[in-house]
Amino acid sequence: MKQLDFIQYVARELSISEEESQELLREFSVHLNNELNETDSVQLTGLGTLNKDISGISLELDPSFAI
């Protein structure tokens, strides 16, 4: 999925403009980055946990998450 596809998907699902979707996703990514810089770990309910360490950022999927 390309970046624009995701922006369009979020816009469609939330019934907002693509510009609003892009800003919402930007704000969310800034929030995640700030949380990772402060705590090294962010819980994404229903998805898993983002972890930051010396080697980078990883996603540990929640066992209940099915692809």
Protein backbone atom coordinates (compact mmCIF):
# COMPACT_ATOMS: atom_id res chain seq x y z
CA MET A 1 0.00 0.00 0.00
CA LYS A 2 1.41 3.36 -0.99
CA GLN A 3 1.30 6.38 1.33
CA LEU A 4 -1.39 8.09 -0.75
CA ASP A 5 -3.52 4.93 -0.72
CA PHE A 6 -3.46 4.90 3.09
CA ILE A 7 -4.33 8.60 3.27
CA GLN A 8 -7.25 7.99 0.93
CA TYR A 9 -8.36 4.93 2.91
CA VAL A 10 -8.38 6.84 6.21
CA ALA A 11 -10.20 9.77 4.61
CA ARG A 12 -12.87 7.48 3.21
CA GLU A 13 -13.29 5.49 6.44
CA LEU A 14 -13.57 8.64 8.60
CA SER A 15 -15.54 10.65 6.03
CA ILE A 16 -12.97 13.45 6.04
CA SER A 17 -10.96 15.15 3.32
CA GLU A 18 -7.62 13.76 2.18
CA GLU A 19 -5.97 16.89 3.57
CA GLU A 20 -7.55 16.27 6.99
CA SER A 21 -6.53 12.62 6.79
CA GLN A 22 -2.95 13.53 5.97
CA GLU A 23 -2.80 15.98 8.90
CA LEU A 24 -4.38 13.44 11.27
CA LEU A 25 -1.83 10.79 10.28
CA ARG A 26 1.03 13.29 10.57
CA GLU A 27 -0.09 14.24 14.09
CA PHE A 28 -0.41 10.56 15.02
CA SER A 29 3.09 9.78 13.77
CA VAL A 30 4.53 12.76 15.68
CA HIS A 31 2.74 11.54 18.83
CA LEU A 32 4.11 8.00 18.37
CA ASN A 33 7.62 9.32 17.82
CA ASN A 34 7.41 11.51 20.92
CA GLU A 35 6.14 8.60 23.02
CA LEU A 36 8.90 6.31 21.75
CA ASN A 37 11.52 8.93 22.55
CA GLU A 38 10.17 9.27 26.10
CA THR A 39 9.34 5.67 26.98
CA ASP A 40 10.94 3.38 24.35
CA SER A 41 7.62 1.52 24.06
CA VAL A 42 4.12 2.32 22.79
CA GLN A 43 1.12 0.00 23.14
CA LEU A 44 -1.15 -0.02 20.08
CA THR A 45 -4.34 -1.63 21.34
CA GLY A 46 -5.45 -4.51 19.16
CA LEU A 47 -2.23 -4.48 17.15
CA GLY A 48 0.77 -4.83 19.43
CA THR A 49 3.66 -2.88 20.89
CA LEU A 50 6.18 -0.63 19.18
CA ASN A 51 9.56 -0.94 20.86
CA LYS A 52 12.58 1.30 20.37
CA ASP A 53 16.11 0.21 21.20
CA ILE A 54 19.64 0.74 19.95
CA SER A 55 18.95 -1.30 16.79
CA GLY A 56 15.83 0.67 15.82
CA ILE A 57 12.07 0.32 16.11
CA SER A 58 10.27 -3.01 16.06
CA LEU A 59 6.65 -4.11 16.26
CA GLU A 60 5.71 -6.98 18.52
CA LEU A 61 2.29 -8.15 17.34
CA ASP A 62 -0.40 -8.90 19.88
CA PRO A 63 -1.16 -12.65 19.82
CA SER A 64 -4.83 -11.88 19.15
CA PHE A 65 -3.96 -9.91 16.00
CA ALA A 66 -4.67 -12.02 12.93
CA ILE A 67 -3.45 -11.08 9.48
